[in-house]
Each structure stands twice: as structure tokens, then as C-alpha cells.
Protein backbone atom coordinates (compact mmCIF):
# COMPACT_ATOMS: atom_id res chain seq x y z
CA MET A 1 -35.53 -0.90 -10.11
CA ALA A 2 -33.15 0.79 -7.67
CA ARG A 3 -34.49 3.58 -5.51
CA VAL A 4 -33.37 7.02 -6.64
CA LEU A 5 -32.87 9.82 -4.20
CA GLY A 6 -33.65 13.45 -4.97
CA ALA A 7 -31.28 16.18 -6.02
CA PRO A 8 -30.78 17.58 -2.48
CA VAL A 9 -29.63 14.16 -1.26
CA ALA A 10 -27.37 13.74 -4.26
CA LEU A 11 -25.88 17.18 -3.61
CA GLY A 12 -25.33 16.29 0.03
CA LEU A 13 -23.60 13.04 -0.86
CA TRP A 14 -21.46 14.88 -3.42
CA SER A 15 -20.44 17.31 -0.67
CA LEU A 16 -19.58 14.37 1.61
CA CYS A 17 -17.55 12.78 -1.14
CA TRP A 18 -15.68 16.03 -1.81
CA SER A 19 -14.93 16.50 1.88
CA LEU A 20 -13.49 12.98 2.03
CA ALA A 21 -11.34 13.76 -0.97
CA ILE A 22 -10.04 16.89 0.78
CA ALA A 23 -9.43 14.92 3.97
CA THR A 24 -7.34 12.39 2.04
CA PRO A 25 -5.70 14.48 -0.68
CA LEU A 26 -3.88 13.33 -3.78
CA PRO A 27 -0.32 12.20 -3.19
CA PRO A 28 2.30 14.93 -3.39
CA THR A 29 4.28 15.14 -6.61
CA SER A 30 7.83 16.13 -7.28
CA ALA A 31 8.83 19.21 -9.23
CA HIS A 32 8.70 17.10 -12.40
CA GLY A 33 5.13 15.96 -11.71
CA ASN A 34 6.08 12.46 -10.58
CA VAL A 35 4.30 10.79 -7.67
CA ALA A 36 6.38 10.77 -4.51
CA GLU A 37 8.04 7.46 -3.66
CA GLY A 38 5.80 5.07 -1.69
CA GLU A 39 2.56 6.82 -2.68
CA THR A 40 -0.29 5.48 -4.82
CA LYS A 41 -0.59 7.02 -8.28
CA PRO A 42 -4.09 8.52 -8.68
CA ASP A 43 -6.42 7.23 -11.37
CA PRO A 44 -6.89 10.01 -14.01
CA ASP A 45 -10.55 9.03 -14.41
CA VAL A 46 -11.12 9.41 -10.68
CA THR A 47 -9.31 12.75 -10.66
CA GLU A 48 -11.59 14.00 -13.45
CA ARG A 49 -14.71 12.97 -11.55
CA CYS A 50 -13.61 15.11 -8.62
CA SER A 51 -13.03 18.22 -10.68
CA ASP A 52 -15.18 21.30 -10.18
CA GLY A 53 -16.91 20.70 -13.51
CA TRP A 54 -18.47 17.39 -12.46
CA SER A 55 -21.82 16.79 -10.80
CA PHE A 56 -24.22 13.86 -10.37
CA ASP A 57 -27.87 13.66 -11.41
CA ALA A 58 -28.97 10.85 -9.09
CA THR A 59 -27.72 8.50 -6.43
CA THR A 60 -29.07 5.29 -4.95
CA LEU A 61 -28.22 2.21 -2.91
CA ASP A 62 -28.30 -1.20 -4.56
CA ASP A 63 -29.58 -4.41 -2.93
CA ASN A 64 -26.21 -4.94 -1.25
CA GLY A 65 -26.10 -1.43 0.19
CA THR A 66 -23.46 -0.16 -2.25
CA MET A 67 -23.67 3.57 -2.96
CA LEU A 68 -24.12 4.25 -6.68
CA PHE A 69 -23.86 7.61 -8.47
CA PHE A 70 -25.47 8.38 -11.85
CA LYS A 71 -24.95 11.00 -14.55
CA VAL A 72 -27.32 11.49 -17.50
CA CYS A 73 -26.33 10.18 -21.11
CA VAL A 74 -27.99 13.16 -22.58
CA GLU A 75 -28.67 16.75 -21.57
CA GLU A 76 -31.73 17.32 -19.36
CA SER A 77 -33.32 19.47 -22.06
CA GLN A 78 -33.13 16.51 -24.46
CA MET A 79 -34.76 14.03 -22.11
CA GLY A 80 -38.25 13.06 -23.19
CA PRO A 81 -40.99 11.24 -21.30
CA GLY A 82 -40.22 7.72 -20.17
CA VAL A 83 -36.47 8.25 -19.71
CA ASN A 84 -35.25 6.11 -16.79
CA LEU A 85 -32.08 4.81 -15.09
CA ARG A 86 -31.23 2.44 -17.90
CA GLU A 87 -30.49 5.51 -19.85
CA MET A 88 -28.04 6.83 -17.30
CA GLU A 89 -24.35 6.08 -16.86
CA GLU A 90 -23.48 4.12 -13.75
CA PHE A 91 -20.09 4.48 -12.10
CA PRO A 92 -18.87 1.09 -10.90
CA GLN A 93 -17.04 2.51 -7.88
CA PRO A 94 -19.23 3.31 -4.84
CA CYS A 95 -17.79 6.82 -4.78
CA GLY A 96 -15.74 8.20 -7.62
CA CYS A 97 -14.21 11.11 -5.75
CA CYS A 98 -12.79 9.48 -2.64
CA ILE A 99 -9.06 9.45 -3.38
CA PRO A 100 -7.19 8.14 -0.34
CA SER A 101 -3.46 8.35 -0.84
CA ARG A 102 -2.62 5.18 1.09
CA SER A 103 -5.97 3.40 1.45
CA GLN A 104 -8.23 2.36 -1.38
CA GLN A 105 -11.33 2.34 0.82
CA CYS A 106 -14.20 4.39 -0.53
CA LEU A 107 -17.59 5.63 0.61
CA SER A 108 -18.98 2.11 1.06
CA ASP A 109 -16.45 1.61 3.89
CA GLN A 110 -16.43 5.16 5.27
CA GLY A 111 -20.06 6.05 4.79
CA HIS A 112 -23.06 6.39 7.06
CA GLY A 113 -23.29 3.25 9.19
CA HIS A 114 -22.50 0.84 6.33
CA ARG A 115 -21.22 -2.68 7.01
CA ASN A 116 -19.99 -5.39 4.73
CA GLY A 117 -21.56 -8.82 4.52
CA THR A 118 -19.44 -10.32 7.29
CA GLY A 119 -20.72 -7.87 9.84
CA HIS A 120 -17.40 -6.07 10.24
CA GLY A 121 -16.34 -2.62 9.18
CA ASN A 122 -15.90 0.97 10.20
CA SER A 123 -18.66 3.32 11.29
CA THR A 124 -19.07 7.05 11.33
CA HIS A 125 -21.16 6.84 14.51
CA HIS A 126 -19.45 7.64 17.77
CA GLY A 127 -19.84 5.03 20.48
CA PRO A 128 -20.47 1.26 20.36
CA GLU A 129 -24.25 1.62 20.73
CA TYR A 130 -24.52 2.46 17.04
CA MET A 131 -22.32 -0.37 15.77
CA ARG A 132 -24.75 -2.67 14.02
CA CYS A 133 -22.99 -5.96 14.78
CA SER A 134 -21.29 -4.91 18.01
CA PRO A 135 -21.90 -7.06 21.12
CA HIS A 136 -22.44 -3.75 22.91
CA LEU A 137 -25.45 -2.82 20.78
CA VAL A 138 -28.49 -1.94 22.91
CA LEU A 139 -31.89 -1.63 21.22
CA SER A 140 -34.46 0.48 23.07
CA ALA A 141 -37.62 -0.34 21.09
CA LEU A 142 -39.09 -2.38 18.23
CA THR A 143 -42.21 -1.73 16.17
CA SER A 144 -43.90 -2.56 12.87
CA ASP A 145 -46.48 -0.34 11.17
CA ASN A 146 -49.55 -1.44 9.21
CA HIS A 147 -47.62 -1.19 5.94
CA GLY A 148 -45.09 -3.80 7.05
CA ALA A 149 -42.21 -1.43 7.78
CA THR A 150 -40.37 -2.75 10.85
CA TYR A 151 -38.05 -0.59 12.91
CA ALA A 152 -35.48 -1.02 15.68
CA PHE A 153 -34.40 1.97 17.77
CA SER A 154 -31.12 2.62 19.57
CA GLY A 155 -30.36 5.97 21.13
CA THR A 156 -31.16 8.70 18.63
CA HIS A 157 -31.10 6.34 15.62
CA TYR A 158 -33.19 3.61 14.00
CA TRP A 159 -32.84 0.73 11.54
CA ARG A 160 -35.32 -0.74 9.04
CA LEU A 161 -35.52 -4.46 9.83
CA ASP A 162 -37.86 -5.59 7.05
CA THR A 163 -35.41 -4.80 4.26
CA SER A 164 -31.65 -4.88 3.74
CA ARG A 165 -32.03 -2.70 0.65
CA ASP A 166 -30.49 0.30 2.41
CA GLY A 167 -27.38 -1.67 3.32
CA TRP A 168 -28.44 -1.92 6.99
CA HIS A 169 -27.86 1.77 7.58
CA SER A 170 -28.95 3.41 10.77
CA TRP A 171 -30.56 6.83 10.45
CA PRO A 172 -31.36 9.63 12.91
CA ILE A 173 -34.91 9.41 14.25
CA ALA A 174 -35.44 12.95 12.97
CA HIS A 175 -34.83 11.66 9.43
CA GLN A 176 -38.15 9.77 9.45
CA TRP A 177 -40.00 11.57 12.26
CA PRO A 178 -38.75 15.19 12.31
CA GLN A 179 -41.41 16.17 14.86
CA GLY A 180 -40.86 13.06 16.94
CA PRO A 181 -38.89 12.30 20.10
CA SER A 182 -35.11 12.47 20.29
CA ALA A 183 -35.04 8.85 21.50
CA VAL A 184 -37.65 6.09 21.76
CA ASP A 185 -38.32 4.04 24.91
CA ALA A 186 -41.29 2.08 23.53
CA ALA A 187 -43.25 1.92 20.28
CA PHE A 188 -46.36 0.26 18.89
CA SER A 189 -48.76 0.58 15.96
CA TRP A 190 -52.57 0.49 15.89
CA GLU A 191 -55.28 1.50 13.40
CA GLU A 192 -52.95 3.23 10.90
CA LYS A 193 -51.24 5.16 13.68
CA LEU A 194 -47.72 4.78 15.04
CA TYR A 195 -47.06 5.53 18.72
CA LEU A 196 -43.56 6.53 19.88
CA VAL A 197 -43.02 6.86 23.63
CA GLN A 198 -40.23 8.79 25.32
CA GLY A 199 -40.39 9.04 29.09
CA THR A 200 -43.93 10.09 30.00
CA GLN A 201 -44.65 11.56 26.56
CA VAL A 202 -46.33 9.81 23.62
CA TYR A 203 -46.11 10.95 19.99
CA VAL A 204 -48.80 9.69 17.60
CA PHE A 205 -48.20 9.68 13.83
CA LEU A 206 -50.59 8.87 11.00
CA THR A 207 -48.99 6.19 8.80
CA LYS A 208 -51.06 6.83 5.68
CA GLY A 209 -49.14 8.91 3.15
CA GLY A 210 -46.04 9.20 5.32
CA TYR A 211 -45.63 9.85 9.03
CA THR A 212 -47.59 12.95 10.04
CA LEU A 213 -47.74 14.00 13.69
CA VAL A 214 -51.32 14.12 14.91
CA SER A 215 -52.42 17.56 16.10
CA GLY A 216 -52.19 18.00 19.86
CA TYR A 217 -49.23 15.64 20.32
CA PRO A 218 -47.03 14.90 22.12
CA LYS A 219 -49.07 14.45 25.26
CA ARG A 220 -48.60 12.58 28.51
CA LEU A 221 -48.97 8.82 28.15
CA GLU A 222 -51.57 8.69 30.93
CA LYS A 223 -53.78 11.04 28.92
CA GLU A 224 -53.73 8.52 26.09
CA VAL A 225 -54.01 5.14 27.83
CA GLY A 226 -54.54 5.86 31.53
CA THR A 227 -52.40 4.33 34.30
CA PRO A 228 -52.34 1.18 36.42
CA HIS A 229 -54.40 1.49 39.60
CA GLY A 230 -52.42 3.24 42.34
CA ILE A 231 -49.24 3.49 40.25
CA ILE A 232 -47.65 6.48 38.56
CA LEU A 233 -45.30 5.45 35.79
CA ASP A 234 -42.31 7.68 35.13
CA SER A 235 -41.46 5.66 32.01
CA VAL A 236 -42.13 2.36 30.28
CA ASP A 237 -39.59 -0.17 29.05
CA ALA A 238 -41.51 -1.69 26.14
CA ALA A 239 -44.93 -2.06 24.54
CA PHE A 240 -46.53 -4.19 21.84
CA ILE A 241 -49.82 -5.03 20.11
CA CYS A 242 -50.37 -8.24 18.16
CA PRO A 243 -51.82 -7.90 14.64
CA GLY A 244 -55.59 -7.60 14.53
CA SER A 245 -55.89 -6.86 18.25
CA SER A 246 -56.60 -3.73 20.30
CA ARG A 247 -54.84 -5.18 23.36
CA LEU A 248 -51.83 -3.08 24.25
CA HIS A 249 -49.22 -4.75 26.45
CA ILE A 250 -46.97 -2.46 28.47
CA MET A 251 -43.86 -3.48 30.39
CA ALA A 252 -42.12 -1.51 33.14
CA GLY A 253 -39.46 -3.21 35.21
CA ARG A 254 -40.69 -6.57 36.47
CA ARG A 255 -44.34 -5.82 35.68
CA LEU A 256 -46.46 -6.56 32.60
CA TRP A 257 -49.99 -5.22 31.96
CA TRP A 258 -52.51 -5.31 29.15
CA LEU A 259 -55.25 -2.81 28.38
CA ASP A 260 -57.78 -2.21 25.61
CA LEU A 261 -56.82 0.77 23.47
CA LYS A 262 -60.46 1.23 22.48
CA SER A 263 -61.11 2.45 26.03
CA GLY A 264 -58.56 5.27 25.76
CA ALA A 265 -57.58 7.00 28.98
CA GLN A 266 -60.36 5.11 30.83
CA ALA A 267 -58.76 1.73 30.08
CA THR A 268 -58.37 -0.79 32.90
CA TRP A 269 -54.82 -2.09 33.29
CA THR A 270 -54.69 -5.83 34.05
CA GLU A 271 -51.42 -7.32 35.32
CA LEU A 272 -50.13 -10.55 33.79
CA PRO A 273 -47.49 -13.08 34.88
CA TRP A 274 -44.28 -13.50 32.91
CA PRO A 275 -40.74 -14.77 33.62
CA HIS A 276 -38.72 -11.66 32.74
CA GLU A 277 -37.18 -9.25 35.22
CA LYS A 278 -36.92 -6.55 32.57
CA VAL A 279 -36.98 -6.07 28.80
CA ASP A 280 -35.77 -3.26 26.53
CA GLY A 281 -38.17 -3.77 23.62
CA ALA A 282 -40.97 -5.99 22.33
CA LEU A 283 -42.67 -6.76 19.02
CA CYS A 284 -45.56 -9.02 18.02
CA MET A 285 -45.92 -9.70 14.31
CA GLU A 286 -47.21 -12.28 11.84
CA LYS A 287 -44.06 -12.79 9.78
CA SER A 288 -40.72 -14.05 11.03
CA LEU A 289 -38.17 -11.53 12.25
CA GLY A 290 -34.53 -12.37 11.74
CA PRO A 291 -33.19 -15.83 10.82
CA ASN A 292 -35.57 -17.79 13.04
CA SER A 293 -39.34 -17.67 13.43
CA CYS A 294 -41.12 -17.83 16.77
CA SER A 295 -43.94 -20.01 15.46
CA ALA A 296 -44.75 -22.17 12.47
CA ASN A 297 -47.87 -20.12 11.76
CA GLY A 298 -49.59 -17.12 13.27
CA PRO A 299 -47.94 -14.21 15.07
CA GLY A 300 -44.65 -14.40 16.90
CA LEU A 301 -43.64 -12.44 20.00
CA TYR A 302 -40.10 -11.10 20.29
CA LEU A 303 -38.65 -9.62 23.49
CA ILE A 304 -35.19 -8.09 23.74
CA HIS A 305 -33.01 -7.44 26.78
CA GLY A 306 -29.46 -6.28 26.26
CA PRO A 307 -27.78 -8.60 23.73
CA ASN A 308 -30.49 -11.27 24.07
CA LEU A 309 -33.51 -11.89 21.86
CA TYR A 310 -36.27 -14.09 23.31
CA CYS A 311 -38.91 -15.72 21.15
CA TYR A 312 -42.46 -16.85 22.03
CA SER A 313 -45.16 -18.19 19.75
CA ASP A 314 -47.86 -16.06 21.43
CA VAL A 315 -48.73 -14.04 24.54
CA GLU A 316 -50.24 -17.08 26.27
CA LYS A 317 -46.90 -18.91 26.03
CA LEU A 318 -45.20 -15.86 27.57
CA ASN A 319 -47.68 -15.76 30.45
CA ALA A 320 -47.35 -19.50 31.12
CA ALA A 321 -43.53 -19.61 30.98
CA LYS A 322 -41.75 -20.30 34.28
CA ALA A 323 -38.25 -19.80 32.91
CA LEU A 324 -36.67 -17.83 30.09
CA PRO A 325 -36.27 -19.60 26.72
CA GLN A 326 -32.88 -20.04 25.09
CA PRO A 327 -31.95 -16.57 23.78
CA GLN A 328 -30.75 -15.65 20.33
CA ASN A 329 -28.35 -12.79 19.61
CA VAL A 330 -30.20 -9.52 19.12
CA THR A 331 -27.80 -8.50 16.34
CA SER A 332 -29.31 -11.28 14.19
CA LEU A 333 -32.20 -8.88 13.63
CA LEU A 334 -29.78 -6.62 11.78
CA GLY A 335 -28.37 -9.29 9.50
CA CYS A 336 -25.32 -10.12 11.62
CA THR A 337 -24.16 -13.74 11.52
CA HIS A 338 -21.99 -13.93 14.63
């Protein structure tokens, strides 16, 4: 069953659709009502859908990320219990009220961060850092919560990595964590809590029943997990915890430490060897991430730096490595094939 968004979202998407229609108006007609030479004749059905008398009752994204709009077969007052989307009319076009005069592109091409299956397309985001399949994409953090939702962060936006159901859209961080940071430098999950780090501040959210900011947060990171002996960290580059463990690994520049989260601010930071000069994000998880898995069984460790994705079967392999493994392309995490 497709996921249905609420009325406020549907209204917002209707407004977006209408604004696109205004931005690309119907072709001019002559005094006799004919379409001007060289222009595309508008579809009467599409014109009707954009009239003031039309509205939509629901909207959703299918498994390919196509935007679908729905309008009830019956009046709302006549709808009894058990009525569902099979009882609603589906419009085959992604957006019935986008009426470009020269281009037949619709909301699926012009919409929020959408890409087609080849990894190409337009984007409403400004700047290459938000282009999903761009070689200039820079991810700042990775994390997976205890419910299996996996996220990648870039600037002020994030992607869901564990599902392509949303069409590989990126969303503002405030969409999921309205009380969270404006950008994420590091992230990790432990004991039904999600930790988002920005600079020296850490935000802690309860993952049960949605993301709820824990009272008293944000607070300084050192108040939560302490600091390495004799070192004051202005920021961290990445952090991760492997499933079933309380060992938090923190990376800053060339240095890698681990500490036991059960010890809180009194935790002892122990430095570990590793071959990286710097990383932008890290994630340890049991299932494979992207097209290739780090290990045949058990958790896999993924480190990202710029366009490169490095894969280790476990932390011990990372600590023992003397050279970097062959990198993959980080955009493969977002379903890109090139």
C-alpha cells in the first residue's frame, strides 16, 4: 500500500503545482481562440484539473518516487468505514496541473530533489552539494537508528538510505528533527536514542514513537561523553557504534578514539591506530549498505571521505590496516550507478 500524506502536505503540493503552472502559463491564443504558431496545444483534461474548482484528497510517492495525486470517487460524507485508496481515482500524470508551454516536464522532473533511474536530472536545490548523484556531493554524517532507518546528512539536508520509496529525495533536517541542529557533523544511535552532533553541541532524541528531543538538550559534547586526556575538541568529524555495543568511536582529524558510553562524562578515551588522515562520516551496521557489503556476515564498517566510500568488515580490520582499501563511490549509497 502506498504511503498517504496528510491534507496539509497535499495542500502544499497543490500550491507548488499551481505556482509551477503560473510560472509556465498556457500558450497564448489568437483572437479566434487558436493556439499561437509553434506552441503546444494544452490538454483540456489538464486545464480542467488546474481550475479553481479542483482539489486533491491525498498524495503519495510510489516505489519509483513518482508523485501521485488522488481524488475521492465519492463524497466524504458518503465514505463509510474501511474505505481505502483502491476506492480513489489515481491520476496517471505525476502532476496534473503543471502545464509548460514548450516543455512537457512535470513535477517528477521539477520537484523536490527527485532524480530519474539513471541518476541524472534537475534539482530544486541550489549548489552541487545537494545533487544526489553529483561527483561534488559531500556527506557530513551517517547513522542508523534502532528501528533500521538509515540516514546520510549533507549540509542542512538528509537522505533515507534504507529505502528508495521516497524517490531518493533529500529533506531539510528540520523536517525530521525540528528541534535539532541546522547541520550534522557526526551522528550515532544507542539504546533507543539518536545523537546528532554539531560543533561542540550534542542533541539527543528518543527514537520510540518518533524523534523527541530529550529535555535539557542540546548540551556540550564533553558533558555527555567527556574528552580525551589533555585535549579540547572544537568539533568531531565522525562517530559510530556497532550494533549491540556500548563502544563509541570518535574521529577528529588524524585521530581515532573509543570510549564506553555507559561511563558517561567520566568515560576514558582510548586512542586507536587506523590508516586514514581524515573522514567525513562513519557507520557500523549489520546489513549491507549500498550495492556491496563489507562482510559476508556480521556488521560492516563504512567510512566516507569526500567522494570515497571505504569498507571494512569490522573495527579490528580498520585498526590493523596499514593502507586504505580500494574505495567505492559514495554516491552508490544513494542509488547512483555511475
